[in-house]
Amino acid sequence: MTTLEIINEKVFPLSVKTYEEWNLPEHLYGPTNPLFLPVTAPKAAGFTAVILTYDRVDSLFTLIRKLVKTPSLTKILVIWNNQKKPPPPSSEWPVINKPLKVIRTKENKLSNRFYPYAEIETECQLTIDDDIIMLTPDELEFGFDVWREFPDRIVGFPSRLHIWDNVTESWKYHSEWTNQISMVLTGAAFHHKIWSWYYTYKMPAEIRDYVDENFNCEDIAMNFLVANITNKAPIKVAPRKKFKCPECTNTEMLSLDAGHMSQRSVCIGRFAQVFGRVALRTVEFRADPLQYKEDAPARTMLYRDLGAL
């Protein structure tokens, strides 16, 4: 393993360990680098869904009822981010056939969704917002299967792009529908749980503090982190592009803020300065099931219920 670690550092200079990291015991250093994971992770282990929520109880319960229909789901963690109000009593929660645990946080921080909770026993975790209730069990199951082939990447549904603005000479966050992507938003994405550990303990604290102070850009920070270590692009799954909650009436959603988009452009520039580069990779790639849009009988298709654009 030491030989492989040395070879890995030659191939990926950004993953070079410090003297202290080489000489600390493994239990102090942390998990093993995901680059040594097998190409296809074992499917039997399944994934853990981590839901960050504040007070949208109705959509949260709707999401939980939909998530449990996904065959590979093993557990649900609800991260209750509201310190002013307790979560609903256990008698009001949906009755489901999968384990569910509610974790109450001490502070209302976006970074709480990426804390390496001990309750996440699977290698794969699905980070999902409490208002993403439009994804079908087939889409989630297919997304997990794609992650199994790319376990060191962020694999998910809503995608975004970073572009260089020649007028302002700065990076710009681009949310329009394009064939190019460089980020997959963690409001609905699969990733290896080691990235939560890196986000909490290895990512520059300046970035994490900025995210928590401005209550924005935790998903951009995670994309920067993974790309900076792997030099690989994320993977968008399935054709769906609309991810707004049609039934939610909460007018305080972050995405409705007029300054939200401009703030995210600022985040890209700031994170690039901290990391010393923009490691985000732009690709034109999307993963679809083998028989997607094929004129074949529905009974022969493994993933029948995929959302349209």
C-alpha atoms as a PDB file:
ATOM      1  CA  MET A   1       0.000   0.000   0.000  1.00  0.00           C
ATOM      2  CA  THR A   2       2.900   2.348   0.711  1.00  0.00           C
ATOM      3  CA  THR A   3       4.243   1.712  -2.800  1.00  0.00           C
ATOM      4  CA  LEU A   4       0.827   2.494  -4.281  1.00  0.00           C
ATOM      5  CA  GLU A   5       0.634   5.683  -2.212  1.00  0.00           C
ATOM      6  CA  ILE A   6       4.012   6.829  -3.567  1.00  0.00           C
ATOM      7  CA  ILE A   7       2.996   6.041  -7.152  1.00  0.00           C
ATOM      8  CA  ASN A   8      -0.282   7.872  -6.586  1.00  0.00           C
ATOM      9  CA  GLU A   9       1.611  10.979  -5.441  1.00  0.00           C
ATOM     10  CA  LYS A  10       3.763  10.867  -8.591  1.00  0.00           C
ATOM     11  CA  VAL A  11       0.677  10.678 -10.810  1.00  0.00           C
ATOM     12  CA  PHE A  12      -1.443  13.115  -8.772  1.00  0.00           C
ATOM     13  CA  PRO A  13       0.899  15.732  -7.242  1.00  0.00           C
ATOM     14  CA  LEU A  14      -2.045  17.476  -5.548  1.00  0.00           C
ATOM     15  CA  SER A  15      -2.578  14.452  -3.315  1.00  0.00           C
ATOM     16  CA  VAL A  16       0.948  14.583  -1.857  1.00  0.00           C
ATOM     17  CA  LYS A  17       0.963  14.022   1.905  1.00  0.00           C
ATOM     18  CA  THR A  18       2.927  16.075   4.372  1.00  0.00           C
ATOM     19  CA  TYR A  19       5.646  14.548   6.558  1.00  0.00           C
ATOM     20  CA  GLU A  20       3.214  14.481   9.491  1.00  0.00           C
ATOM     21  CA  GLU A  21       0.535  12.697   7.473  1.00  0.00           C
ATOM     22  CA  TRP A  22       2.994  10.014   6.363  1.00  0.00           C
ATOM     23  CA  ASN A  23       4.069   9.348   9.917  1.00  0.00           C
ATOM     24  CA  LEU A  24       0.791   9.596  11.827  1.00  0.00           C
ATOM     25  CA  PRO A  25      -1.105   6.354  12.523  1.00  0.00           C
ATOM     26  CA  GLU A  26      -3.959   5.654  10.102  1.00  0.00           C
ATOM     27  CA  HIS A  27      -6.658   6.202  12.719  1.00  0.00           C
ATOM     28  CA  LEU A  28      -5.357   9.744  13.265  1.00  0.00           C
ATOM     29  CA  TYR A  29      -4.881  10.602   9.629  1.00  0.00           C
ATOM     30  CA  GLY A  30      -8.352   9.629   8.466  1.00  0.00           C
ATOM     31  CA  PRO A  31      -9.983   7.484   5.781  1.00  0.00           C
ATOM     32  CA  THR A  32      -8.158   5.983   2.833  1.00  0.00           C
ATOM     33  CA  ASN A  33      -7.995   8.040  -0.354  1.00  0.00           C
ATOM     34  CA  PRO A  34     -10.989   7.138  -2.584  1.00  0.00           C
ATOM     35  CA  LEU A  35      -8.712   6.810  -5.605  1.00  0.00           C
ATOM     36  CA  PHE A  36      -7.945   3.315  -4.335  1.00  0.00           C
ATOM     37  CA  LEU A  37     -11.585   2.272  -4.375  1.00  0.00           C
ATOM     38  CA  PRO A  38     -12.559  -0.509  -6.772  1.00  0.00           C
ATOM     39  CA  VAL A  39     -13.986   0.681 -10.069  1.00  0.00           C
ATOM     40  CA  THR A  40     -17.426  -0.588  -9.113  1.00  0.00           C
ATOM     41  CA  ALA A  41     -18.415  -0.339  -5.469  1.00  0.00           C
ATOM     42  CA  PRO A  42     -20.443  -3.219  -4.006  1.00  0.00           C
ATOM     43  CA  LYS A  43     -24.117  -2.680  -4.665  1.00  0.00           C
ATOM     44  CA  ALA A  44     -25.290  -4.610  -1.624  1.00  0.00           C
ATOM     45  CA  ALA A  45     -24.172  -1.827   0.710  1.00  0.00           C
ATOM     46  CA  GLY A  46     -26.557   0.692  -0.848  1.00  0.00           C
ATOM     47  CA  PHE A  47     -26.527   4.389   0.049  1.00  0.00           C
ATOM     48  CA  THR A  48     -27.513   6.702   2.890  1.00  0.00           C
ATOM     49  CA  ALA A  49     -29.742   9.692   2.147  1.00  0.00           C
ATOM     50  CA  VAL A  50     -28.743  12.859   4.048  1.00  0.00           C
ATOM     51  CA  ILE A  51     -31.523  15.455   4.014  1.00  0.00           C
ATOM     52  CA  LEU A  52     -30.787  19.005   5.175  1.00  0.00           C
ATOM     53  CA  THR A  53     -33.970  20.671   6.408  1.00  0.00           C
ATOM     54  CA  TYR A  54     -35.133  23.688   8.385  1.00  0.00           C
ATOM     55  CA  ASP A  55     -38.908  23.930   8.614  1.00  0.00           C
ATOM     56  CA  ARG A  56     -40.448  22.647   5.364  1.00  0.00           C
ATOM     57  CA  VAL A  57     -42.051  19.673   7.089  1.00  0.00           C
ATOM     58  CA  ASP A  58     -44.656  18.869   4.428  1.00  0.00           C
ATOM     59  CA  SER A  59     -42.168  18.584   1.576  1.00  0.00           C
ATOM     60  CA  LEU A  60     -39.731  16.751   3.888  1.00  0.00           C
ATOM     61  CA  PHE A  61     -42.303  14.064   4.631  1.00  0.00           C
ATOM     62  CA  THR A  62     -43.205  13.812   0.937  1.00  0.00           C
ATOM     63  CA  LEU A  63     -39.527  13.354   0.088  1.00  0.00           C
ATOM     64  CA  ILE A  64     -39.085  10.634   2.727  1.00  0.00           C
ATOM     65  CA  ARG A  65     -42.052   8.676   1.370  1.00  0.00           C
ATOM     66  CA  LYS A  66     -40.540   8.800  -2.112  1.00  0.00           C
ATOM     67  CA  LEU A  67     -36.992   7.983  -1.054  1.00  0.00           C
ATOM     68  CA  VAL A  68     -37.961   4.732   0.675  1.00  0.00           C
ATOM     69  CA  LYS A  69     -39.220   3.374  -2.662  1.00  0.00           C
ATOM     70  CA  THR A  70     -35.624   3.341  -3.966  1.00  0.00           C
ATOM     71  CA  PRO A  71     -34.347  -0.251  -3.628  1.00  0.00           C
ATOM     72  CA  SER A  72     -30.723   0.607  -2.761  1.00  0.00           C
ATOM     73  CA  LEU A  73     -31.575   3.097  -0.001  1.00  0.00           C
ATOM     74  CA  THR A  74     -30.400   1.728   3.364  1.00  0.00           C
ATOM     75  CA  LYS A  75     -30.957   4.625   5.771  1.00  0.00           C
ATOM     76  CA  ILE A  76     -32.229   8.207   5.976  1.00  0.00           C
ATOM     77  CA  LEU A  77     -30.550  10.908   8.056  1.00  0.00           C
ATOM     78  CA  VAL A  78     -32.536  14.102   8.574  1.00  0.00           C
ATOM     79  CA  ILE A  79     -30.254  16.991   9.537  1.00  0.00           C
ATOM     80  CA  TRP A  80     -32.554  19.347  11.465  1.00  0.00           C
ATOM     81  CA  ASN A  81     -30.967  22.775  11.048  1.00  0.00           C
ATOM     82  CA  ASN A  82     -33.526  24.789  13.009  1.00  0.00           C
ATOM     83  CA  GLN A  83     -32.438  25.679  16.536  1.00  0.00           C
ATOM     84  CA  LYS A  84     -35.557  27.770  17.195  1.00  0.00           C
ATOM     85  CA  LYS A  85     -38.053  24.978  16.699  1.00  0.00           C
ATOM     86  CA  PRO A  86     -37.826  21.272  17.513  1.00  0.00           C
ATOM     87  CA  PRO A  87     -38.556  18.633  14.870  1.00  0.00           C
ATOM     88  CA  PRO A  88     -42.055  17.126  14.789  1.00  0.00           C
ATOM     89  CA  PRO A  89     -42.813  14.418  17.365  1.00  0.00           C
ATOM     90  CA  SER A  90     -42.110  10.854  16.273  1.00  0.00           C
ATOM     91  CA  SER A  91     -45.834  10.098  16.012  1.00  0.00           C
ATOM     92  CA  GLU A  92     -46.176  12.539  13.095  1.00  0.00           C
ATOM     93  CA  TRP A  93     -43.353  11.143  10.954  1.00  0.00           C
ATOM     94  CA  PRO A  94     -44.129   8.822   8.027  1.00  0.00           C
ATOM     95  CA  VAL A  95     -44.166   5.123   8.815  1.00  0.00           C
ATOM     96  CA  ILE A  96     -41.450   3.624   6.596  1.00  0.00           C
ATOM     97  CA  ASN A  97     -39.570   0.344   6.244  1.00  0.00           C
ATOM     98  CA  LYS A  98     -36.074   1.853   6.362  1.00  0.00           C
ATOM     99  CA  PRO A  99     -34.114   3.230   9.358  1.00  0.00           C
ATOM    100  CA  LEU A 100     -34.515   6.981   9.895  1.00  0.00           C
ATOM    101  CA  LYS A 101     -32.668   9.186  12.361  1.00  0.00           C
ATOM    102  CA  VAL A 102     -33.033  12.905  13.058  1.00  0.00           C
ATOM    103  CA  ILE A 103     -29.854  14.788  14.004  1.00  0.00           C
ATOM    104  CA  ARG A 104     -30.336  18.217  15.572  1.00  0.00           C
ATOM    105  CA  THR A 105     -27.513  20.648  14.815  1.00  0.00           C
ATOM    106  CA  LYS A 106     -26.101  23.235  17.199  1.00  0.00           C
ATOM    107  CA  GLU A 107     -25.856  25.976  14.561  1.00  0.00           C
ATOM    108  CA  ASN A 108     -27.779  26.739  11.388  1.00  0.00           C
ATOM    109  CA  LYS A 109     -24.967  26.165   8.874  1.00  0.00           C
ATOM    110  CA  LEU A 110     -25.048  24.877   5.303  1.00  0.00           C
ATOM    111  CA  SER A 111     -21.864  22.924   5.991  1.00  0.00           C
ATOM    112  CA  ASN A 112     -23.845  20.672   8.331  1.00  0.00           C
ATOM    113  CA  ARG A 113     -24.919  18.654   5.295  1.00  0.00           C
ATOM    114  CA  PHE A 114     -21.295  17.609   4.756  1.00  0.00           C
ATOM    115  CA  TYR A 115     -20.334  16.679   8.292  1.00  0.00           C
ATOM    116  CA  PRO A 116     -19.019  13.068   8.381  1.00  0.00           C
ATOM    117  CA  TYR A 117     -21.719  11.712  10.670  1.00  0.00           C
ATOM    118  CA  ALA A 118     -20.937   8.348  12.260  1.00  0.00           C
ATOM    119  CA  GLU A 119     -24.440   7.223  11.312  1.00  0.00           C
ATOM    120  CA  ILE A 120     -23.409   7.145   7.624  1.00  0.00           C
ATOM    121  CA  GLU A 121     -22.293   3.523   7.439  1.00  0.00           C
ATOM    122  CA  THR A 122     -22.387   3.159   3.650  1.00  0.00           C
ATOM    123  CA  GLU A 123     -19.604   4.405   1.396  1.00  0.00           C
ATOM    124  CA  CYS A 124     -22.105   6.318  -0.729  1.00  0.00           C
ATOM    125  CA  GLN A 125     -24.268   9.147   0.523  1.00  0.00           C
ATOM    126  CA  LEU A 126     -27.007  11.018  -1.284  1.00  0.00           C
ATOM    127  CA  THR A 127     -27.141  14.663  -0.228  1.00  0.00           C
ATOM    128  CA  ILE A 128     -30.570  16.050  -1.049  1.00  0.00           C
ATOM    129  CA  ASP A 129     -32.611  19.149  -0.211  1.00  0.00           C
ATOM    130  CA  ASP A 130     -35.965  18.750   1.492  1.00  0.00           C
ATOM    131  CA  ASP A 131     -37.819  20.278  -1.481  1.00  0.00           C
ATOM    132  CA  ILE A 132     -36.414  18.005  -4.204  1.00  0.00           C
ATOM    133  CA  ILE A 133     -39.540  15.872  -4.389  1.00  0.00           C
ATOM    134  CA  MET A 134     -39.726  15.414  -8.152  1.00  0.00           C
ATOM    135  CA  LEU A 135     -37.077  12.701  -8.563  1.00  0.00           C
ATOM    136  CA  THR A 136     -38.448   9.199  -9.132  1.00  0.00           C
ATOM    137  CA  PRO A 137     -37.138   5.991  -7.514  1.00  0.00           C
ATOM    138  CA  ASP A 138     -35.877   4.897 -10.950  1.00  0.00           C
ATOM    139  CA  GLU A 139     -33.859   8.104 -11.337  1.00  0.00           C
ATOM    140  CA  LEU A 140     -32.342   7.735  -7.877  1.00  0.00           C
ATOM    141  CA  GLU A 141     -31.535   4.057  -8.405  1.00  0.00           C
ATOM    142  CA  PHE A 142     -29.923   4.802 -11.752  1.00  0.00           C
ATOM    143  CA  GLY A 143     -27.940   7.664 -10.198  1.00  0.00           C
ATOM    144  CA  PHE A 144     -26.601   5.279  -7.562  1.00  0.00           C
ATOM    145  CA  ASP A 145     -25.643   2.736 -10.233  1.00  0.00           C
ATOM    146  CA  VAL A 146     -23.730   5.443 -12.115  1.00  0.00           C
ATOM    147  CA  TRP A 147     -21.926   6.448  -8.905  1.00  0.00           C
ATOM    148  CA  ARG A 148     -20.830   2.831  -8.448  1.00  0.00           C
ATOM    149  CA  GLU A 149     -18.899   3.158 -11.723  1.00  0.00           C
ATOM    150  CA  PHE A 150     -17.412   6.538 -10.716  1.00  0.00           C
ATOM    151  CA  PRO A 151     -17.076   6.364  -6.903  1.00  0.00           C
ATOM    152  CA  ASP A 152     -14.551   9.203  -6.665  1.00  0.00           C
ATOM    153  CA  ARG A 153     -16.791  11.752  -8.426  1.00  0.00           C
ATOM    154  CA  ILE A 154     -19.893  13.777  -7.645  1.00  0.00           C
ATOM    155  CA  VAL A 155     -22.771  12.161  -9.520  1.00  0.00           C
ATOM    156  CA  GLY A 156     -26.102  13.932  -9.562  1.00  0.00           C
ATOM    157  CA  PHE A 157     -28.944  15.687 -11.275  1.00  0.00           C
ATOM    158  CA  PRO A 158     -28.910  19.523 -11.330  1.00  0.00           C
ATOM    159  CA  SER A 159     -25.837  20.748 -13.229  1.00  0.00           C
ATOM    160  CA  ARG A 160     -24.203  24.159 -13.614  1.00  0.00           C
ATOM    161  CA  LEU A 161     -21.308  25.749 -15.495  1.00  0.00           C
ATOM    162  CA  HIS A 162     -18.570  28.265 -14.720  1.00  0.00           C
ATOM    163  CA  ILE A 163     -17.508  30.623 -17.523  1.00  0.00           C
ATOM    164  CA  TRP A 164     -14.990  33.432 -17.903  1.00  0.00           C
ATOM    165  CA  ASP A 165     -16.492  36.891 -18.467  1.00  0.00           C
ATOM    166  CA  ASN A 166     -14.166  38.914 -20.707  1.00  0.00           C
ATOM    167  CA  VAL A 167     -15.987  42.161 -19.870  1.00  0.00           C
ATOM    168  CA  THR A 168     -15.602  41.969 -16.087  1.00  0.00           C
ATOM    169  CA  GLU A 169     -12.505  39.764 -16.303  1.00  0.00           C
ATOM    170  CA  SER A 170     -13.908  37.440 -13.678  1.00  0.00           C
ATOM    171  CA  TRP A 171     -15.483  34.017 -13.332  1.00  0.00           C
ATOM    172  CA  LYS A 172     -19.239  33.806 -13.671  1.00  0.00           C
ATOM    173  CA  TYR A 173     -21.700  31.230 -12.366  1.00  0.00           C
ATOM    174  CA  HIS A 174     -23.852  30.086 -15.281  1.00  0.00           C
ATOM    175  CA  SER A 175     -27.224  28.455 -14.636  1.00  0.00           C
ATOM    176  CA  GLU A 176     -28.722  28.457 -18.127  1.00  0.00           C
ATOM    177  CA  TRP A 177     -29.419  25.158 -19.858  1.00  0.00           C
ATOM    178  CA  THR A 178     -26.370  24.146 -21.856  1.00  0.00           C
ATOM    179  CA  ASN A 179     -24.759  20.907 -22.994  1.00  0.00           C
ATOM    180  CA  GLN A 180     -21.654  21.815 -21.021  1.00  0.00           C
ATOM    181  CA  ILE A 181     -21.363  21.279 -17.279  1.00  0.00           C
ATOM    182  CA  SER A 182     -18.590  21.759 -14.738  1.00  0.00           C
ATOM    183  CA  MET A 183     -20.535  21.375 -11.485  1.00  0.00           C
ATOM    184  CA  VAL A 184     -23.253  19.115 -10.138  1.00  0.00           C
ATOM    185  CA  LEU A 185     -25.198  20.715  -7.308  1.00  0.00           C
ATOM    186  CA  THR A 186     -25.301  18.794  -4.064  1.00  0.00           C
ATOM    187  CA  GLY A 187     -28.985  19.549  -3.563  1.00  0.00           C
ATOM    188  CA  ALA A 188     -29.449  16.163  -5.260  1.00  0.00           C
ATOM    189  CA  ALA A 189     -26.166  14.299  -5.716  1.00  0.00           C
ATOM    190  CA  PHE A 190     -24.337  11.099  -4.783  1.00  0.00           C
ATOM    191  CA  HIS A 191     -20.774  11.199  -3.505  1.00  0.00           C
ATOM    192  CA  HIS A 192     -18.400   9.083  -1.441  1.00  0.00           C
ATOM    193  CA  LYS A 193     -18.620   9.891   2.244  1.00  0.00           C
ATOM    194  CA  ILE A 194     -14.877  10.552   2.322  1.00  0.00           C
ATOM    195  CA  TRP A 195     -15.537  13.894   0.609  1.00  0.00           C
ATOM    196  CA  SER A 196     -17.559  14.989   3.646  1.00  0.00           C
ATOM    197  CA  TRP A 197     -14.534  14.159   5.772  1.00  0.00           C
ATOM    198  CA  TYR A 198     -12.278  16.165   3.441  1.00  0.00           C
ATOM    199  CA  TYR A 199     -14.769  19.057   3.431  1.00  0.00           C
ATOM    200  CA  THR A 200     -14.839  19.172   7.232  1.00  0.00           C
ATOM    201  CA  TYR A 201     -11.210  18.494   8.108  1.00  0.00           C
ATOM    202  CA  LYS A 202      -8.998  19.049   5.054  1.00  0.00           C
ATOM    203  CA  MET A 203     -10.567  21.801   2.953  1.00  0.00           C
ATOM    204  CA  PRO A 204      -9.179  25.295   3.698  1.00  0.00           C
ATOM    205  CA  ALA A 205     -11.098  26.627   6.693  1.00  0.00           C
ATOM    206  CA  GLU A 206     -11.374  30.004   4.950  1.00  0.00           C
ATOM    207  CA  ILE A 207     -13.743  28.492   2.391  1.00  0.00           C
ATOM    208  CA  ARG A 208     -15.888  26.691   4.934  1.00  0.00           C
ATOM    209  CA  ASP A 209     -16.135  29.832   7.078  1.00  0.00           C
ATOM    210  CA  TYR A 210     -17.106  31.901   4.041  1.00  0.00           C
ATOM    211  CA  VAL A 211     -19.878  29.431   3.162  1.00  0.00           C
ATOM    212  CA  ASP A 212     -21.299  29.471   6.680  1.00  0.00           C
ATOM    213  CA  GLU A 213     -21.072  33.252   7.062  1.00  0.00           C
ATOM    214  CA  ASN A 214     -22.790  33.954   3.728  1.00  0.00           C
ATOM    215  CA  PHE A 215     -25.150  30.972   3.796  1.00  0.00           C
ATOM    216  CA  ASN A 216     -24.360  30.148   0.187  1.00  0.00           C
ATOM    217  CA  CYS A 217     -22.056  28.177  -2.125  1.00  0.00           C
ATOM    218  CA  GLU A 218     -21.485  24.998  -0.098  1.00  0.00           C
ATOM    219  CA  ASP A 219     -22.201  23.014  -3.277  1.00  0.00           C
ATOM    220  CA  ILE A 220     -19.669  25.047  -5.286  1.00  0.00           C
ATOM    221  CA  ALA A 221     -17.106  24.511  -2.525  1.00  0.00           C
ATOM    222  CA  MET A 222     -17.640  20.744  -2.653  1.00  0.00           C
ATOM    223  CA  ASN A 223     -17.223  20.722  -6.442  1.00  0.00           C
ATOM    224  CA  PHE A 224     -14.006  22.727  -6.104  1.00  0.00           C
ATOM    225  CA  LEU A 225     -12.725  20.337  -3.436  1.00  0.00           C
ATOM    226  CA  VAL A 226     -13.352  17.138  -5.403  1.00  0.00           C
ATOM    227  CA  ALA A 227     -12.055  18.567  -8.684  1.00  0.00           C
ATOM    228  CA  ASN A 228      -8.949  19.904  -6.971  1.00  0.00           C
ATOM    229  CA  ILE A 229      -8.067  16.455  -5.640  1.00  0.00           C
ATOM    230  CA  THR A 230      -9.149  14.248  -8.561  1.00  0.00           C
ATOM    231  CA  ASN A 231      -8.799  16.595 -11.571  1.00  0.00           C
ATOM    232  CA  LYS A 232     -12.028  15.025 -12.835  1.00  0.00           C
ATOM    233  CA  ALA A 233     -15.380  16.456 -13.845  1.00  0.00           C
ATOM    234  CA  PRO A 234     -18.646  15.587 -12.107  1.00  0.00           C
ATOM    235  CA  ILE A 235     -21.264  13.493 -13.877  1.00  0.00           C
ATOM    236  CA  LYS A 236     -24.787  14.634 -14.662  1.00  0.00           C
ATOM    237  CA  VAL A 237     -27.359  11.853 -14.606  1.00  0.00           C
ATOM    238  CA  ALA A 238     -30.548  11.637 -16.702  1.00  0.00           C
ATOM    239  CA  PRO A 239     -32.106  14.433 -18.775  1.00  0.00           C
ATOM    240  CA  ARG A 240     -34.142  16.286 -16.148  1.00  0.00           C
ATOM    241  CA  LYS A 241     -33.206  19.976 -15.867  1.00  0.00           C
ATOM    242  CA  LYS A 242     -36.041  21.475 -13.807  1.00  0.00           C
ATOM    243  CA  PHE A 243     -35.622  21.044 -10.074  1.00  0.00           C
ATOM    244  CA  LYS A 244     -37.932  23.681  -8.614  1.00  0.00           C
ATOM    245  CA  CYS A 245     -40.446  22.411  -6.133  1.00  0.00           C
ATOM    246  CA  PRO A 246     -43.880  22.920  -7.770  1.00  0.00           C
ATOM    247  CA  GLU A 247     -45.763  22.461  -4.495  1.00  0.00           C
ATOM    248  CA  CYS A 248     -43.569  24.595  -2.224  1.00  0.00           C
ATOM    249  CA  THR A 249     -44.911  28.025  -1.263  1.00  0.00           C
ATOM    250  CA  ASN A 250     -41.986  29.148   0.873  1.00  0.00           C
ATOM    251  CA  THR A 251     -41.036  32.579  -0.488  1.00  0.00           C
ATOM    252  CA  GLU A 252     -37.827  32.635   1.524  1.00  0.00           C
ATOM    253  CA  MET A 253     -36.059  30.050  -0.645  1.00  0.00           C
ATOM    254  CA  LEU A 254     -32.433  31.043  -1.208  1.00  0.00           C
ATOM    255  CA  SER A 255     -32.693  30.724  -4.993  1.00  0.00           C
ATOM    256  CA  LEU A 256     -35.341  33.460  -5.087  1.00  0.00           C
ATOM    257  CA  ASP A 257     -32.959  36.049  -3.660  1.00  0.00           C
ATOM    258  CA  ALA A 258     -31.983  38.614  -6.316  1.00  0.00           C
ATOM    259  CA  GLY A 259     -28.385  38.613  -5.149  1.00  0.00           C
ATOM    260  CA  HIS A 260     -28.117  34.837  -4.988  1.00  0.00           C
ATOM    261  CA  MET A 261     -26.697  34.347  -8.493  1.00  0.00           C
ATOM    262  CA  SER A 262     -24.208  37.200  -8.308  1.00  0.00           C
ATOM    263  CA  GLN A 263     -23.021  35.945  -4.936  1.00  0.00           C
ATOM    264  CA  ARG A 264     -22.319  32.541  -6.449  1.00  0.00           C
ATOM    265  CA  SER A 265     -20.156  34.134  -9.124  1.00  0.00           C
ATOM    266  CA  VAL A 266     -18.201  35.829  -6.349  1.00  0.00           C
ATOM    267  CA  CYS A 267     -17.795  32.429  -4.670  1.00  0.00           C
ATOM    268  CA  ILE A 268     -16.109  30.949  -7.745  1.00  0.00           C
ATOM    269  CA  GLY A 269     -13.561  33.750  -7.850  1.00  0.00           C
ATOM    270  CA  ARG A 270     -12.918  33.591  -4.119  1.00  0.00           C
ATOM    271  CA  PHE A 271     -12.525  29.808  -4.024  1.00  0.00           C
ATOM    272  CA  ALA A 272     -10.186  29.968  -7.028  1.00  0.00           C
ATOM    273  CA  GLN A 273      -7.947  32.359  -5.096  1.00  0.00           C
ATOM    274  CA  VAL A 274      -7.855  30.113  -2.044  1.00  0.00           C
ATOM    275  CA  PHE A 275      -7.162  26.923  -4.010  1.00  0.00           C
ATOM    276  CA  GLY A 276      -4.737  28.742  -6.286  1.00  0.00           C
ATOM    277  CA  ARG A 277      -6.504  27.623  -9.455  1.00  0.00           C
ATOM    278  CA  VAL A 278      -9.879  26.721 -10.950  1.00  0.00           C
ATOM    279  CA  ALA A 279      -9.722  22.925 -11.082  1.00  0.00           C
ATOM    280  CA  LEU A 280     -13.309  22.597 -12.330  1.00  0.00           C
ATOM    281  CA  ARG A 281     -13.402  20.600 -15.569  1.00  0.00           C
ATOM    282  CA  THR A 282     -15.925  21.477 -18.283  1.00  0.00           C
ATOM    283  CA  VAL A 283     -17.401  18.478 -20.115  1.00  0.00           C
ATOM    284  CA  GLU A 284     -20.239  17.669 -22.494  1.00  0.00           C
ATOM    285  CA  PHE A 285     -21.407  14.422 -20.995  1.00  0.00           C
ATOM    286  CA  ARG A 286     -24.559  13.005 -19.481  1.00  0.00           C
ATOM    287  CA  ALA A 287     -25.264   9.485 -18.260  1.00  0.00           C
ATOM    288  CA  ASP A 288     -28.509   7.892 -19.433  1.00  0.00           C
ATOM    289  CA  PRO A 289     -29.749   4.299 -19.158  1.00  0.00           C
ATOM    290  CA  LEU A 290     -28.869   2.006 -22.041  1.00  0.00           C
ATOM    291  CA  GLN A 291     -32.398   1.909 -23.426  1.00  0.00           C
ATOM    292  CA  TYR A 292     -33.240   5.565 -22.842  1.00  0.00           C
ATOM    293  CA  LYS A 293     -35.557   6.773 -25.636  1.00  0.00           C
ATOM    294  CA  GLU A 294     -35.398   3.374 -27.327  1.00  0.00           C
ATOM    295  CA  ASP A 295     -38.597   2.112 -28.865  1.00  0.00           C
ATOM    296  CA  ALA A 296     -38.690  -0.961 -26.658  1.00  0.00           C
ATOM    297  CA  PRO A 297     -41.389  -2.591 -24.521  1.00  0.00           C
ATOM    298  CA  ALA A 298     -41.505  -1.044 -21.060  1.00  0.00           C
ATOM    299  CA  ARG A 299     -41.191  -4.470 -19.407  1.00  0.00           C
ATOM    300  CA  THR A 300     -37.697  -4.873 -20.899  1.00  0.00           C
ATOM    301  CA  MET A 301     -36.405  -1.571 -19.555  1.00  0.00           C
ATOM    302  CA  LEU A 302     -34.629  -1.509 -16.191  1.00  0.00           C
ATOM    303  CA  TYR A 303     -35.328   2.180 -15.536  1.00  0.00           C
ATOM    304  CA  ARG A 304     -38.731   3.027 -16.933  1.00  0.00           C
ATOM    305  CA  ASP A 305     -39.659   6.183 -15.011  1.00  0.00           C
ATOM    306  CA  LEU A 306     -37.192   8.945 -15.910  1.00  0.00           C
ATOM    307  CA  GLY A 307     -38.206  12.590 -15.828  1.00  0.00           C
ATOM    308  CA  ALA A 308     -38.146  14.618 -19.039  1.00  0.00           C
ATOM    309  CA  LEU A 309     -36.349  17.926 -19.562  1.00  0.00           C
END
